[in-house]
Amino acid sequence: MTPFDANDAAERKALIAGALAAHRERGSPHITIEADTPPPGSEHPAWVQYRLEDGLLNADYTDEELERLPEIVESYPEFTIAAREQPEFADGTNVHINGYTDDDRLAAFIEALFCEVYGYESTYRLWVTEI
């Protein structure tokens, strides 16, 4: 895997799928995928972590983003919201989503989270920050 960032939908999905394959090959604890700028109305860039071992996708959401999340999860039946936590020290909610699928389908799901839940425009830049 050589590219670590992309700013086109097809390239982002390929980047995510490549990172997932590298994660599996290396047996790393998780991968972290992050946008380079905050989404509209937020102070921090959005991020998602995925752990192959148990199919856990972990991310933080504002209240507004959290309202949009169930619709996206429902459109991908292989995923379910497993837990929601609101730590005292943080704004927003940490959500655990469980699901197993192929790398391309998971990449499409993660792309949908960034575009439809976080609200990024089609040209946002995505980075794989940890494999």
N, C-alpha and C. Protein backbone atom coordinates (compact mmCIF):
# COMPACT_ATOMS: atom_id res chain seq x y z
N MET A 1 0.85 -1.17 0.00
CA MET A 1 0.00 0.00 0.00
C MET A 1 0.89 1.22 0.00
N THR A 2 0.76 2.08 -1.02
CA THR A 2 1.59 3.27 -1.07
C THR A 2 0.83 4.57 -0.87
N PRO A 3 -0.36 4.77 -1.45
CA PRO A 3 -1.04 6.05 -1.18
C PRO A 3 -1.63 6.06 0.23
N PHE A 4 -1.62 7.23 0.85
CA PHE A 4 -2.19 7.36 2.18
C PHE A 4 -3.28 8.42 2.24
N ASP A 5 -3.56 9.08 1.10
CA ASP A 5 -4.63 10.07 1.07
C ASP A 5 -5.29 10.07 -0.30
N ALA A 6 -6.51 10.58 -0.34
CA ALA A 6 -7.26 10.67 -1.59
C ALA A 6 -8.34 11.73 -1.43
N ASN A 7 -8.73 12.38 -2.55
CA ASN A 7 -9.77 13.41 -2.47
C ASN A 7 -10.86 13.25 -3.53
N ASP A 8 -11.03 12.07 -4.05
CA ASP A 8 -12.07 11.75 -5.01
C ASP A 8 -12.78 10.49 -4.48
N ALA A 9 -14.08 10.40 -4.66
CA ALA A 9 -14.85 9.30 -4.06
C ALA A 9 -14.30 7.93 -4.44
N ALA A 10 -14.04 7.70 -5.71
CA ALA A 10 -13.51 6.40 -6.14
C ALA A 10 -12.14 6.15 -5.54
N GLU A 11 -11.29 7.17 -5.51
CA GLU A 11 -9.95 7.02 -4.94
C GLU A 11 -10.03 6.79 -3.43
N ARG A 12 -10.95 7.49 -2.75
CA ARG A 12 -11.10 7.29 -1.30
C ARG A 12 -11.54 5.86 -0.99
N LYS A 13 -12.49 5.34 -1.75
CA LYS A 13 -12.94 3.96 -1.52
C LYS A 13 -11.81 2.97 -1.76
N ALA A 14 -11.03 3.19 -2.82
CA ALA A 14 -9.89 2.32 -3.10
C ALA A 14 -8.84 2.43 -1.99
N LEU A 15 -8.63 3.64 -1.49
CA LEU A 15 -7.69 3.86 -0.39
C LEU A 15 -8.13 3.10 0.86
N ILE A 16 -9.41 3.20 1.20
CA ILE A 16 -9.93 2.52 2.38
C ILE A 16 -9.82 1.00 2.20
N ALA A 17 -10.20 0.49 1.03
CA ALA A 17 -10.12 -0.95 0.78
C ALA A 17 -8.67 -1.42 0.88
N GLY A 18 -7.73 -0.65 0.36
CA GLY A 18 -6.31 -1.00 0.47
C GLY A 18 -5.83 -1.00 1.91
N ALA A 19 -6.30 -0.04 2.69
CA ALA A 19 -5.93 0.04 4.11
C ALA A 19 -6.50 -1.16 4.87
N LEU A 20 -7.72 -1.56 4.53
CA LEU A 20 -8.32 -2.73 5.17
C LEU A 20 -7.53 -4.00 4.86
N ALA A 21 -7.10 -4.13 3.60
CA ALA A 21 -6.29 -5.29 3.22
C ALA A 21 -4.96 -5.28 3.97
N ALA A 22 -4.33 -4.12 4.07
CA ALA A 22 -3.07 -4.01 4.81
C ALA A 22 -3.28 -4.32 6.29
N HIS A 23 -4.38 -3.87 6.84
CA HIS A 23 -4.73 -4.15 8.24
C HIS A 23 -4.83 -5.66 8.47
N ARG A 24 -5.48 -6.34 7.56
CA ARG A 24 -5.65 -7.79 7.66
C ARG A 24 -4.29 -8.50 7.53
N GLU A 25 -3.49 -8.09 6.54
CA GLU A 25 -2.19 -8.72 6.30
C GLU A 25 -1.24 -8.52 7.48
N ARG A 26 -1.25 -7.34 8.07
CA ARG A 26 -0.33 -7.02 9.16
C ARG A 26 -0.82 -7.51 10.51
N GLY A 27 -2.11 -7.77 10.61
CA GLY A 27 -2.66 -8.17 11.90
C GLY A 27 -2.60 -7.04 12.92
N SER A 28 -2.68 -5.81 12.45
CA SER A 28 -2.61 -4.65 13.34
C SER A 28 -3.87 -4.55 14.20
N PRO A 29 -3.79 -3.84 15.33
CA PRO A 29 -4.95 -3.73 16.22
C PRO A 29 -6.16 -3.07 15.56
N HIS A 30 -5.94 -2.04 14.74
CA HIS A 30 -7.03 -1.34 14.06
C HIS A 30 -6.44 -0.42 12.99
N ILE A 31 -7.32 0.14 12.17
CA ILE A 31 -6.91 1.20 11.25
C ILE A 31 -7.66 2.47 11.65
N THR A 32 -7.04 3.61 11.36
CA THR A 32 -7.69 4.89 11.61
C THR A 32 -7.73 5.66 10.30
N ILE A 33 -8.89 6.16 9.97
CA ILE A 33 -9.13 6.92 8.75
C ILE A 33 -9.65 8.28 9.19
N GLU A 34 -9.09 9.34 8.64
CA GLU A 34 -9.42 10.69 9.12
C GLU A 34 -9.49 11.67 7.96
N ALA A 35 -10.43 12.60 8.04
CA ALA A 35 -10.51 13.69 7.06
C ALA A 35 -9.46 14.74 7.43
N ASP A 36 -9.06 15.54 6.45
CA ASP A 36 -8.00 16.53 6.73
C ASP A 36 -8.52 17.82 7.33
N THR A 37 -9.82 18.04 7.28
CA THR A 37 -10.41 19.25 7.85
C THR A 37 -11.67 18.89 8.63
N PRO A 38 -12.11 19.75 9.52
CA PRO A 38 -13.37 19.46 10.23
C PRO A 38 -14.57 19.49 9.28
N PRO A 39 -15.59 18.70 9.58
CA PRO A 39 -16.81 18.78 8.78
C PRO A 39 -17.55 20.07 9.12
N PRO A 40 -18.53 20.44 8.31
CA PRO A 40 -19.28 21.67 8.59
C PRO A 40 -19.84 21.67 10.02
N GLY A 41 -19.61 22.77 10.73
CA GLY A 41 -20.14 22.94 12.07
C GLY A 41 -19.37 22.24 13.18
N SER A 42 -18.19 21.74 12.88
CA SER A 42 -17.41 21.02 13.88
C SER A 42 -16.03 21.66 14.02
N GLU A 43 -15.38 21.40 15.14
CA GLU A 43 -14.05 21.96 15.39
C GLU A 43 -12.92 20.99 15.04
N HIS A 44 -13.23 19.69 14.95
CA HIS A 44 -12.20 18.68 14.74
C HIS A 44 -12.51 17.83 13.52
N PRO A 45 -11.47 17.37 12.81
CA PRO A 45 -11.72 16.47 11.68
C PRO A 45 -12.41 15.19 12.13
N ALA A 46 -13.26 14.67 11.29
CA ALA A 46 -13.93 13.40 11.57
C ALA A 46 -12.93 12.25 11.39
N TRP A 47 -13.13 11.21 12.18
CA TRP A 47 -12.27 10.02 12.09
C TRP A 47 -13.12 8.78 12.33
N VAL A 48 -12.62 7.67 11.83
CA VAL A 48 -13.25 6.37 12.03
C VAL A 48 -12.13 5.36 12.27
N GLN A 49 -12.34 4.48 13.23
CA GLN A 49 -11.42 3.36 13.44
C GLN A 49 -12.17 2.07 13.17
N TYR A 50 -11.45 1.11 12.59
CA TYR A 50 -12.05 -0.21 12.34
C TYR A 50 -11.12 -1.28 12.86
N ARG A 51 -11.70 -2.26 13.52
CA ARG A 51 -10.95 -3.39 14.07
C ARG A 51 -11.50 -4.66 13.45
N LEU A 52 -10.70 -5.31 12.62
CA LEU A 52 -11.11 -6.52 11.91
C LEU A 52 -11.43 -7.67 12.85
N GLU A 53 -10.68 -7.76 13.92
CA GLU A 53 -10.83 -8.88 14.87
C GLU A 53 -12.28 -9.15 15.26
N ASP A 54 -13.04 -8.09 15.51
CA ASP A 54 -14.44 -8.27 15.91
C ASP A 54 -15.41 -7.43 15.07
N GLY A 55 -14.92 -6.90 13.94
CA GLY A 55 -15.80 -6.14 13.06
C GLY A 55 -16.33 -4.87 13.66
N LEU A 56 -15.53 -4.24 14.54
CA LEU A 56 -15.98 -3.04 15.25
C LEU A 56 -15.51 -1.77 14.55
N LEU A 57 -16.47 -0.92 14.23
CA LEU A 57 -16.19 0.40 13.69
C LEU A 57 -16.51 1.39 14.80
N ASN A 58 -15.57 2.27 15.12
CA ASN A 58 -15.69 3.20 16.23
C ASN A 58 -15.53 4.63 15.72
N ALA A 59 -16.41 5.54 16.15
CA ALA A 59 -16.32 6.93 15.73
C ALA A 59 -17.11 7.82 16.69
N ASP A 60 -16.79 9.11 16.65
CA ASP A 60 -17.50 10.11 17.44
C ASP A 60 -18.44 10.92 16.55
N TYR A 61 -19.60 11.29 17.10
CA TYR A 61 -20.59 12.05 16.35
C TYR A 61 -21.19 13.16 17.21
N THR A 62 -21.46 14.30 16.59
CA THR A 62 -22.21 15.36 17.26
C THR A 62 -23.68 14.93 17.31
N ASP A 63 -24.50 15.66 18.03
CA ASP A 63 -25.92 15.33 18.11
C ASP A 63 -26.57 15.37 16.73
N GLU A 64 -26.21 16.36 15.92
CA GLU A 64 -26.78 16.48 14.58
C GLU A 64 -26.36 15.31 13.69
N GLU A 65 -25.09 14.94 13.76
CA GLU A 65 -24.60 13.79 12.97
C GLU A 65 -25.26 12.50 13.43
N LEU A 66 -25.44 12.39 14.72
CA LEU A 66 -26.05 11.19 15.30
C LEU A 66 -27.48 10.99 14.80
N GLU A 67 -28.18 12.07 14.51
CA GLU A 67 -29.53 11.97 13.96
C GLU A 67 -29.53 11.36 12.56
N ARG A 68 -28.47 11.61 11.79
CA ARG A 68 -28.39 11.09 10.42
C ARG A 68 -27.85 9.66 10.36
N LEU A 69 -27.16 9.23 11.40
CA LEU A 69 -26.48 7.93 11.39
C LEU A 69 -27.40 6.73 11.18
N PRO A 70 -28.53 6.60 11.88
CA PRO A 70 -29.36 5.40 11.72
C PRO A 70 -29.81 5.14 10.29
N GLU A 71 -30.11 6.17 9.54
CA GLU A 71 -30.55 5.98 8.15
C GLU A 71 -29.46 5.33 7.31
N ILE A 72 -28.22 5.75 7.50
CA ILE A 72 -27.11 5.18 6.73
C ILE A 72 -26.88 3.73 7.17
N VAL A 73 -26.89 3.49 8.48
CA VAL A 73 -26.68 2.13 8.98
C VAL A 73 -27.78 1.20 8.46
N GLU A 74 -29.00 1.66 8.44
CA GLU A 74 -30.12 0.84 7.95
C GLU A 74 -29.98 0.50 6.47
N SER A 75 -29.31 1.36 5.70
CA SER A 75 -29.14 1.09 4.27
C SER A 75 -28.01 0.08 4.00
N TYR A 76 -27.30 -0.30 5.03
CA TYR A 76 -26.26 -1.33 4.97
C TYR A 76 -26.63 -2.40 6.00
N PRO A 77 -27.44 -3.38 5.64
CA PRO A 77 -27.98 -4.32 6.63
C PRO A 77 -26.94 -5.17 7.36
N GLU A 78 -25.73 -5.25 6.85
CA GLU A 78 -24.70 -6.03 7.52
C GLU A 78 -24.10 -5.31 8.73
N PHE A 79 -24.52 -4.06 8.95
CA PHE A 79 -24.02 -3.27 10.08
C PHE A 79 -25.14 -2.97 11.07
N THR A 80 -24.77 -2.93 12.35
CA THR A 80 -25.72 -2.56 13.40
C THR A 80 -25.02 -1.66 14.42
N ILE A 81 -25.77 -0.74 14.97
CA ILE A 81 -25.24 0.10 16.05
C ILE A 81 -25.25 -0.75 17.31
N ALA A 82 -24.06 -0.97 17.87
CA ALA A 82 -23.92 -1.87 19.01
C ALA A 82 -23.91 -1.13 20.34
N ALA A 83 -23.35 0.09 20.36
CA ALA A 83 -23.26 0.83 21.62
C ALA A 83 -23.11 2.31 21.35
N ARG A 84 -23.58 3.09 22.30
CA ARG A 84 -23.42 4.56 22.28
C ARG A 84 -22.95 4.97 23.67
N GLU A 85 -21.94 5.82 23.69
CA GLU A 85 -21.42 6.31 24.97
C GLU A 85 -21.24 7.82 24.89
N GLN A 86 -21.59 8.52 25.96
CA GLN A 86 -21.38 9.96 26.04
C GLN A 86 -20.46 10.24 27.22
N PRO A 87 -19.14 10.23 26.96
CA PRO A 87 -18.21 10.51 28.06
C PRO A 87 -18.41 11.93 28.60
N GLU A 88 -18.22 12.09 29.90
CA GLU A 88 -18.39 13.39 30.54
C GLU A 88 -17.43 14.44 30.00
N PHE A 89 -16.23 14.03 29.65
CA PHE A 89 -15.17 14.95 29.25
C PHE A 89 -15.21 15.33 27.78
N ALA A 90 -16.14 14.78 27.01
CA ALA A 90 -16.15 15.02 25.56
C ALA A 90 -17.51 15.50 25.09
N ASP A 91 -17.49 16.30 24.04
CA ASP A 91 -18.72 16.68 23.36
C ASP A 91 -19.10 15.56 22.40
N GLY A 92 -20.37 15.32 22.25
CA GLY A 92 -20.82 14.32 21.31
C GLY A 92 -20.91 12.93 21.90
N THR A 93 -21.09 11.98 20.99
CA THR A 93 -21.32 10.59 21.37
C THR A 93 -20.37 9.68 20.62
N ASN A 94 -19.78 8.74 21.34
CA ASN A 94 -18.95 7.71 20.71
C ASN A 94 -19.86 6.54 20.38
N VAL A 95 -19.79 6.08 19.13
CA VAL A 95 -20.67 5.01 18.67
C VAL A 95 -19.85 3.83 18.18
N HIS A 96 -20.26 2.63 18.58
CA HIS A 96 -19.67 1.39 18.09
C HIS A 96 -20.66 0.77 17.11
N ILE A 97 -20.18 0.47 15.91
CA ILE A 97 -20.99 -0.18 14.89
C ILE A 97 -20.33 -1.51 14.58
N ASN A 98 -21.10 -2.58 14.61
CA ASN A 98 -20.55 -3.90 14.30
C ASN A 98 -20.99 -4.34 12.92
N GLY A 99 -20.09 -5.06 12.25
CA GLY A 99 -20.44 -5.64 10.96
C GLY A 99 -19.25 -6.23 10.26
N TYR A 100 -19.52 -7.29 9.53
CA TYR A 100 -18.50 -7.92 8.69
C TYR A 100 -18.99 -7.89 7.25
N THR A 101 -18.10 -7.54 6.34
CA THR A 101 -18.41 -7.55 4.92
C THR A 101 -17.09 -7.51 4.17
N ASP A 102 -17.16 -7.48 2.86
CA ASP A 102 -15.91 -7.41 2.09
C ASP A 102 -15.35 -5.99 2.15
N ASP A 103 -14.08 -5.86 1.78
CA ASP A 103 -13.39 -4.57 1.89
C ASP A 103 -14.05 -3.47 1.07
N ASP A 104 -14.52 -3.79 -0.13
CA ASP A 104 -15.15 -2.77 -0.97
C ASP A 104 -16.46 -2.26 -0.38
N ARG A 105 -17.25 -3.16 0.17
CA ARG A 105 -18.53 -2.77 0.78
C ARG A 105 -18.28 -1.94 2.04
N LEU A 106 -17.30 -2.35 2.85
CA LEU A 106 -16.95 -1.58 4.04
C LEU A 106 -16.42 -0.21 3.66
N ALA A 107 -15.63 -0.14 2.60
CA ALA A 107 -15.12 1.15 2.12
C ALA A 107 -16.27 2.05 1.69
N ALA A 108 -17.27 1.50 1.01
CA ALA A 108 -18.43 2.29 0.60
C ALA A 108 -19.21 2.79 1.82
N PHE A 109 -19.32 1.95 2.84
CA PHE A 109 -20.00 2.34 4.07
C PHE A 109 -19.26 3.48 4.77
N ILE A 110 -17.96 3.36 4.88
CA ILE A 110 -17.16 4.42 5.52
C ILE A 110 -17.25 5.72 4.72
N GLU A 111 -17.20 5.62 3.41
CA GLU A 111 -17.36 6.81 2.56
C GLU A 111 -18.72 7.46 2.81
N ALA A 112 -19.77 6.64 2.95
CA ALA A 112 -21.11 7.18 3.22
C ALA A 112 -21.14 7.88 4.57
N LEU A 113 -20.44 7.33 5.56
CA LEU A 113 -20.39 8.00 6.87
C LEU A 113 -19.80 9.40 6.73
N PHE A 114 -18.68 9.51 6.01
CA PHE A 114 -18.04 10.82 5.87
C PHE A 114 -18.89 11.80 5.07
N CYS A 115 -19.52 11.34 4.01
CA CYS A 115 -20.30 12.26 3.16
C CYS A 115 -21.70 12.53 3.69
N GLU A 116 -22.41 11.49 4.09
CA GLU A 116 -23.81 11.65 4.44
C GLU A 116 -24.07 11.89 5.93
N VAL A 117 -23.20 11.42 6.78
CA VAL A 117 -23.39 11.64 8.21
C VAL A 117 -22.59 12.86 8.66
N TYR A 118 -21.30 12.88 8.36
CA TYR A 118 -20.48 14.03 8.76
C TYR A 118 -20.73 15.25 7.87
N GLY A 119 -21.19 15.06 6.65
CA GLY A 119 -21.55 16.18 5.78
C GLY A 119 -20.41 16.75 4.95
N TYR A 120 -19.39 15.96 4.68
CA TYR A 120 -18.29 16.45 3.84
C TYR A 120 -18.74 16.57 2.39
N GLU A 121 -18.16 17.56 1.70
CA GLU A 121 -18.42 17.73 0.27
C GLU A 121 -17.65 16.66 -0.51
N SER A 122 -17.98 16.51 -1.78
CA SER A 122 -17.43 15.42 -2.59
C SER A 122 -15.92 15.49 -2.81
N THR A 123 -15.31 16.64 -2.54
CA THR A 123 -13.87 16.79 -2.80
C THR A 123 -13.02 16.77 -1.53
N TYR A 124 -13.59 16.33 -0.42
CA TYR A 124 -12.81 16.33 0.82
C TYR A 124 -11.62 15.36 0.70
N ARG A 125 -10.59 15.61 1.46
CA ARG A 125 -9.40 14.76 1.47
C ARG A 125 -9.47 13.83 2.67
N LEU A 126 -9.21 12.56 2.41
CA LEU A 126 -9.24 11.51 3.43
C LEU A 126 -7.84 10.93 3.57
N TRP A 127 -7.45 10.69 4.81
CA TRP A 127 -6.13 10.13 5.10
C TRP A 127 -6.28 8.82 5.86
N VAL A 128 -5.42 7.88 5.56
CA VAL A 128 -5.25 6.71 6.42
C VAL A 128 -4.11 7.09 7.34
N THR A 129 -4.42 7.27 8.61
CA THR A 129 -3.42 7.78 9.56
C THR A 129 -2.79 6.70 10.42
N GLU A 130 -3.41 5.52 10.44
CA GLU A 130 -2.85 4.42 11.23
C GLU A 130 -3.28 3.08 10.65
N ILE A 131 -2.33 2.20 10.45
CA ILE A 131 -2.64 0.83 9.99
C ILE A 131 -2.01 -0.12 10.98
